[in-house]
PDB file of N, CA and C in Angstrom:
ATOM      1  N   MET A   1     129.368  88.252   6.384  1.00  0.00           N
ATOM      2  CA  MET A   1     129.376  89.695   6.196  1.00  0.00           C
ATOM      3  C   MET A   1     129.495  90.369   7.569  1.00  0.00           C
ATOM      4  N   THR A   2     130.343  91.357   7.659  1.00  0.00           N
ATOM      5  CA  THR A   2     130.545  92.090   8.894  1.00  0.00           C
ATOM      6  C   THR A   2     129.376  93.043   9.125  1.00  0.00           C
ATOM      7  N   PRO A   3     128.834  93.044  10.353  1.00  0.00           N
ATOM      8  CA  PRO A   3     127.726  93.964  10.615  1.00  0.00           C
ATOM      9  C   PRO A   3     128.192  95.409  10.555  1.00  0.00           C
ATOM     10  N   PRO A   4     127.300  96.329  10.215  1.00  0.00           N
ATOM     11  CA  PRO A   4     127.698  97.735  10.130  1.00  0.00           C
ATOM     12  C   PRO A   4     128.107  98.278  11.497  1.00  0.00           C
ATOM     13  N   VAL A   5     128.967  99.268  11.469  1.00  0.00           N
ATOM     14  CA  VAL A   5     129.454  99.902  12.692  1.00  0.00           C
ATOM     15  C   VAL A   5     128.902 101.318  12.741  1.00  0.00           C
ATOM     16  N   GLU A   6     128.395 101.702  13.896  1.00  0.00           N
ATOM     17  CA  GLU A   6     127.942 103.076  14.084  1.00  0.00           C
ATOM     18  C   GLU A   6     129.172 103.985  14.091  1.00  0.00           C
ATOM     19  N   THR A   7     129.127 105.077  13.361  1.00  0.00           N
ATOM     20  CA  THR A   7     130.284 105.971  13.309  1.00  0.00           C
ATOM     21  C   THR A   7     130.615 106.549  14.683  1.00  0.00           C
ATOM     22  N   SER A   8     129.629 106.672  15.553  1.00  0.00           N
ATOM     23  CA  SER A   8     129.891 107.195  16.898  1.00  0.00           C
ATOM     24  C   SER A   8     130.666 106.188  17.752  1.00  0.00           C
ATOM     25  N   ASP A   9     130.733 104.937  17.314  1.00  0.00           N
ATOM     26  CA  ASP A   9     131.477 103.907  18.026  1.00  0.00           C
ATOM     27  C   ASP A   9     132.895 103.721  17.501  1.00  0.00           C
ATOM     28  N   LEU A  10     133.300 104.529  16.532  1.00  0.00           N
ATOM     29  CA  LEU A  10     134.660 104.476  16.019  1.00  0.00           C
ATOM     30  C   LEU A  10     135.533 105.411  16.844  1.00  0.00           C
ATOM     31  N   LEU A  11     136.612 104.881  17.386  1.00  0.00           N
ATOM     32  CA  LEU A  11     137.452 105.627  18.316  1.00  0.00           C
ATOM     33  C   LEU A  11     138.886 105.709  17.815  1.00  0.00           C
ATOM     34  N   ASN A  12     139.476 106.895  17.904  1.00  0.00           N
ATOM     35  CA  ASN A  12     140.897 107.027  17.606  1.00  0.00           C
ATOM     36  C   ASN A  12     141.688 106.571  18.837  1.00  0.00           C
ATOM     37  N   ALA A  13     143.009 106.627  18.779  1.00  0.00           N
ATOM     38  CA  ALA A  13     143.832 106.107  19.877  1.00  0.00           C
ATOM     39  C   ALA A  13     143.572 106.842  21.193  1.00  0.00           C
ATOM     40  N   ALA A  14     143.402 108.150  21.138  1.00  0.00           N
ATOM     41  CA  ALA A  14     143.154 108.911  22.367  1.00  0.00           C
ATOM     42  C   ALA A  14     141.824 108.510  22.993  1.00  0.00           C
ATOM     43  N   GLU A  15     140.790 108.366  22.170  1.00  0.00           N
ATOM     44  CA  GLU A  15     139.471 107.961  22.669  1.00  0.00           C
ATOM     45  C   GLU A  15     139.496 106.517  23.168  1.00  0.00           C
ATOM     46  N   ALA A  16     140.214 105.656  22.449  1.00  0.00           N
ATOM     47  CA  ALA A  16     140.332 104.262  22.871  1.00  0.00           C
ATOM     48  C   ALA A  16     141.027 104.171  24.225  1.00  0.00           C
ATOM     49  N   ALA A  17     142.057 104.964  24.410  1.00  0.00           N
ATOM     50  CA  ALA A  17     142.764 104.984  25.699  1.00  0.00           C
ATOM     51  C   ALA A  17     141.813 105.398  26.820  1.00  0.00           C
ATOM     52  N   THR A  18     141.013 106.411  26.578  1.00  0.00           N
ATOM     53  CA  THR A  18     140.058 106.875  27.590  1.00  0.00           C
ATOM     54  C   THR A  18     139.059 105.777  27.936  1.00  0.00           C
ATOM     55  N   VAL A  19     138.514 105.115  26.937  1.00  0.00           N
ATOM     56  CA  VAL A  19     137.546 104.038  27.161  1.00  0.00           C
ATOM     57  C   VAL A  19     138.157 102.916  27.998  1.00  0.00           C
ATOM     58  N   LEU A  20     139.441 102.638  27.778  1.00  0.00           N
ATOM     59  CA  LEU A  20     140.110 101.560  28.512  1.00  0.00           C
ATOM     60  C   LEU A  20     140.683 102.024  29.851  1.00  0.00           C
ATOM     61  N   GLY A  21     140.517 103.306  30.165  1.00  0.00           N
ATOM     62  CA  GLY A  21     141.003 103.824  31.439  1.00  0.00           C
ATOM     63  C   GLY A  21     142.493 104.095  31.447  1.00  0.00           C
ATOM     64  N   LEU A  22     143.064 104.313  30.274  1.00  0.00           N
ATOM     65  CA  LEU A  22     144.495 104.592  30.157  1.00  0.00           C
ATOM     66  C   LEU A  22     144.714 106.093  30.101  1.00  0.00           C
ATOM     67  N   SER A  23     145.876 106.535  30.540  1.00  0.00           N
ATOM     68  CA  SER A  23     146.109 107.972  30.667  1.00  0.00           C
ATOM     69  C   SER A  23     146.592 108.650  29.394  1.00  0.00           C
ATOM     70  N   HIS A  24     147.080 107.891  28.420  1.00  0.00           N
ATOM     71  CA  HIS A  24     147.645 108.528  27.232  1.00  0.00           C
ATOM     72  C   HIS A  24     147.414 107.664  26.002  1.00  0.00           C
ATOM     73  N   ARG A  25     147.237 108.298  24.876  1.00  0.00           N
ATOM     74  CA  ARG A  25     146.968 107.564  23.633  1.00  0.00           C
ATOM     75  C   ARG A  25     148.105 106.621  23.256  1.00  0.00           C
ATOM     76  N   GLN A  26     149.350 106.943  23.658  1.00  0.00           N
ATOM     77  CA  GLN A  26     150.491 106.085  23.336  1.00  0.00           C
ATOM     78  C   GLN A  26     150.367 104.715  24.008  1.00  0.00           C
ATOM     79  N   ALA A  27     149.574 104.637  25.069  1.00  0.00           N
ATOM     80  CA  ALA A  27     149.371 103.353  25.743  1.00  0.00           C
ATOM     81  C   ALA A  27     148.723 102.335  24.809  1.00  0.00           C
ATOM     82  N   ILE A  28     147.974 102.809  23.836  1.00  0.00           N
ATOM     83  CA  ILE A  28     147.340 101.889  22.881  1.00  0.00           C
ATOM     84  C   ILE A  28     148.414 101.163  22.080  1.00  0.00           C
ATOM     85  N   ALA A  29     149.439 101.860  21.639  1.00  0.00           N
ATOM     86  CA  ALA A  29     150.541 101.219  20.909  1.00  0.00           C
ATOM     87  C   ALA A  29     151.242 100.200  21.803  1.00  0.00           C
ATOM     88  N   THR A  30     151.405 100.529  23.064  1.00  0.00           N
ATOM     89  CA  THR A  30     152.024  99.604  24.017  1.00  0.00           C
ATOM     90  C   THR A  30     151.169  98.356  24.174  1.00  0.00           C
ATOM     91  N   TYR A  31     149.868  98.550  24.329  1.00  0.00           N
ATOM     92  CA  TYR A  31     148.963  97.411  24.472  1.00  0.00           C
ATOM     93  C   TYR A  31     148.971  96.545  23.213  1.00  0.00           C
ATOM     94  N   ARG A  32     149.008  97.173  22.058  1.00  0.00           N
ATOM     95  CA  ARG A  32     149.014  96.411  20.804  1.00  0.00           C
ATOM     96  C   ARG A  32     150.257  95.537  20.703  1.00  0.00           C
ATOM     97  N   ALA A  33     151.388  96.055  21.193  1.00  0.00           N
ATOM     98  CA  ALA A  33     152.633  95.282  21.166  1.00  0.00           C
ATOM     99  C   ALA A  33     152.649  94.203  22.245  1.00  0.00           C
ATOM    100  N   ARG A  34     152.085  94.484  23.378  1.00  0.00           N
ATOM    101  CA  ARG A  34     152.148  93.591  24.536  1.00  0.00           C
ATOM    102  C   ARG A  34     151.136  92.454  24.475  1.00  0.00           C
ATOM    103  N   TYR A  35     149.918  92.749  24.002  1.00  0.00           N
ATOM    104  CA  TYR A  35     148.842  91.761  24.009  1.00  0.00           C
ATOM    105  C   TYR A  35     148.484  91.369  22.582  1.00  0.00           C
ATOM    106  N   GLU A  36     148.825  90.143  22.226  1.00  0.00           N
ATOM    107  CA  GLU A  36     148.554  89.739  20.846  1.00  0.00           C
ATOM    108  C   GLU A  36     147.069  89.584  20.551  1.00  0.00           C
ATOM    109  N   ASP A  37     146.229  89.539  21.600  1.00  0.00           N
ATOM    110  CA  ASP A  37     144.788  89.440  21.379  1.00  0.00           C
ATOM    111  C   ASP A  37     144.098  90.812  21.410  1.00  0.00           C
ATOM    112  N   PHE A  38     144.899  91.898  21.472  1.00  0.00           N
ATOM    113  CA  PHE A  38     144.303  93.237  21.451  1.00  0.00           C
ATOM    114  C   PHE A  38     143.564  93.431  20.129  1.00  0.00           C
ATOM    115  N   PRO A  39     142.371  94.022  20.172  1.00  0.00           N
ATOM    116  CA  PRO A  39     141.581  94.175  18.937  1.00  0.00           C
ATOM    117  C   PRO A  39     142.321  94.950  17.844  1.00  0.00           C
ATOM    118  N   GLU A  40     142.137  94.482  16.645  1.00  0.00           N
ATOM    119  CA  GLU A  40     142.682  95.181  15.480  1.00  0.00           C
ATOM    120  C   GLU A  40     141.796  96.381  15.159  1.00  0.00           C
ATOM    121  N   PRO A  41     142.381  97.420  14.611  1.00  0.00           N
ATOM    122  CA  PRO A  41     141.556  98.552  14.172  1.00  0.00           C
ATOM    123  C   PRO A  41     140.578  98.095  13.088  1.00  0.00           C
ATOM    124  N   VAL A  42     139.416  98.711  13.044  1.00  0.00           N
ATOM    125  CA  VAL A  42     138.455  98.394  11.982  1.00  0.00           C
ATOM    126  C   VAL A  42     138.700  99.265  10.762  1.00  0.00           C
ATOM    127  N   ILE A  43     139.385 100.375  10.970  1.00  0.00           N
ATOM    128  CA  ILE A  43     139.783 101.251   9.854  1.00  0.00           C
ATOM    129  C   ILE A  43     141.242 101.616  10.066  1.00  0.00           C
ATOM    130  N   TRP A  44     142.029 101.421   9.020  1.00  0.00           N
ATOM    131  CA  TRP A  44     143.439 101.780   9.085  1.00  0.00           C
ATOM    132  C   TRP A  44     143.836 102.258   7.699  1.00  0.00           C
ATOM    133  N   LYS A  45     143.847 103.552   7.550  1.00  0.00           N
ATOM    134  CA  LYS A  45     144.202 104.137   6.253  1.00  0.00           C
ATOM    135  C   LYS A  45     145.125 105.311   6.526  1.00  0.00           C
ATOM    136  N   GLY A  46     146.405 105.116   6.252  1.00  0.00           N
ATOM    137  CA  GLY A  46     147.385 106.151   6.542  1.00  0.00           C
ATOM    138  C   GLY A  46     147.449 106.421   8.031  1.00  0.00           C
ATOM    139  N   LYS A  47     147.248 107.660   8.391  1.00  0.00           N
ATOM    140  CA  LYS A  47     147.283 108.042   9.809  1.00  0.00           C
ATOM    141  C   LYS A  47     145.932 107.884  10.495  1.00  0.00           C
ATOM    142  N   CYS A  48     144.920 107.522   9.742  1.00  0.00           N
ATOM    143  CA  CYS A  48     143.583 107.319  10.311  1.00  0.00           C
ATOM    144  C   CYS A  48     143.467 105.867  10.788  1.00  0.00           C
ATOM    145  N   VAL A  49     143.523 105.694  12.107  1.00  0.00           N
ATOM    146  CA  VAL A  49     143.418 104.367  12.717  1.00  0.00           C
ATOM    147  C   VAL A  49     142.286 104.439  13.729  1.00  0.00           C
ATOM    148  N   LEU A  50     141.259 103.610  13.514  1.00  0.00           N
ATOM    149  CA  LEU A  50     140.062 103.654  14.360  1.00  0.00           C
ATOM    150  C   LEU A  50     139.671 102.259  14.826  1.00  0.00           C
ATOM    151  N   TRP A  51     139.277 102.187  16.094  1.00  0.00           N
ATOM    152  CA  TRP A  51     138.807 100.946  16.705  1.00  0.00           C
ATOM    153  C   TRP A  51     137.313 101.035  16.959  1.00  0.00           C
ATOM    154  N   ASN A  52     136.684  99.872  17.001  1.00  0.00           N
ATOM    155  CA  ASN A  52     135.275  99.784  17.350  1.00  0.00           C
ATOM    156  C   ASN A  52     135.174  99.728  18.877  1.00  0.00           C
ATOM    157  N   ARG A  53     134.389 100.614  19.464  1.00  0.00           N
ATOM    158  CA  ARG A  53     134.219 100.680  20.920  1.00  0.00           C
ATOM    159  C   ARG A  53     133.857  99.311  21.506  1.00  0.00           C
ATOM    160  N   SER A  54     132.923  98.609  20.890  1.00  0.00           N
ATOM    161  CA  SER A  54     132.481  97.325  21.452  1.00  0.00           C
ATOM    162  C   SER A  54     133.603  96.283  21.415  1.00  0.00           C
ATOM    163  N   ASP A  55     134.469  96.317  20.404  1.00  0.00           N
ATOM    164  CA  ASP A  55     135.609  95.392  20.359  1.00  0.00           C
ATOM    165  C   ASP A  55     136.539  95.639  21.545  1.00  0.00           C
ATOM    166  N   LEU A  56     136.792  96.913  21.838  1.00  0.00           N
ATOM    167  CA  LEU A  56     137.669  97.260  22.957  1.00  0.00           C
ATOM    168  C   LEU A  56     137.056  96.847  24.290  1.00  0.00           C
ATOM    169  N   LEU A  57     135.775  97.123  24.461  1.00  0.00           N
ATOM    170  CA  LEU A  57     135.112  96.786  25.724  1.00  0.00           C
ATOM    171  C   LEU A  57     135.018  95.275  25.930  1.00  0.00           C
ATOM    172  N   THR A  58     134.763  94.542  24.863  1.00  0.00           N
ATOM    173  CA  THR A  58     134.718  93.091  24.941  1.00  0.00           C
ATOM    174  C   THR A  58     136.089  92.538  25.318  1.00  0.00           C
ATOM    175  N   TRP A  59     137.139  93.081  24.693  1.00  0.00           N
ATOM    176  CA  TRP A  59     138.502  92.650  25.011  1.00  0.00           C
ATOM    177  C   TRP A  59     138.824  92.968  26.473  1.00  0.00           C
ATOM    178  N   GLN A  60     138.498  94.160  26.915  1.00  0.00           N
ATOM    179  CA  GLN A  60     138.783  94.562  28.293  1.00  0.00           C
ATOM    180  C   GLN A  60     138.070  93.630  29.277  1.00  0.00           C
ATOM    181  N   GLN A  61     136.830  93.315  28.994  1.00  0.00           N
ATOM    182  CA  GLN A  61     136.057  92.425  29.872  1.00  0.00           C
ATOM    183  C   GLN A  61     136.680  91.031  29.906  1.00  0.00           C
ATOM    184  N   SER A  62     137.187  90.566  28.786  1.00  0.00           N
ATOM    185  CA  SER A  62     137.791  89.214  28.735  1.00  0.00           C
ATOM    186  C   SER A  62     139.077  89.153  29.560  1.00  0.00           C
ATOM    187  N   ARG A  63     139.743  90.267  29.736  1.00  0.00           N
ATOM    188  CA  ARG A  63     140.988  90.331  30.519  1.00  0.00           C
ATOM    189  C   ARG A  63     140.715  90.273  32.017  1.00  0.00           C
ATOM    190  N   LYS A  64     139.506  90.613  32.433  1.00  0.00           N
ATOM    191  CA  LYS A  64     139.179  90.653  33.855  1.00  0.00           C
ATOM    192  C   LYS A  64     138.874  89.276  34.423  1.00  0.00           C
ATOM    193  N   GLY A  65     138.576  88.334  33.531  1.00  0.00           N
ATOM    194  CA  GLY A  65     138.169  87.003  33.974  1.00  0.00           C
ATOM    195  C   GLY A  65     139.282  86.214  34.473  1.00  0.00           C
TER     196      GLY A  65
END
């Protein structure tokens, strides 16, 4: 069973870009295409696409190693 996610930790593309230090929300689409290990959204319904903050931060940390 997947642990619950705090709603404050759900990020849209613009917020995800900011957390990752990127300048524009479109960079998230670029990262998704470029890095096959980029985290999948936890919610994807129509135009509502949201990532879990901790998934993004964990992925970012793994790239630094």
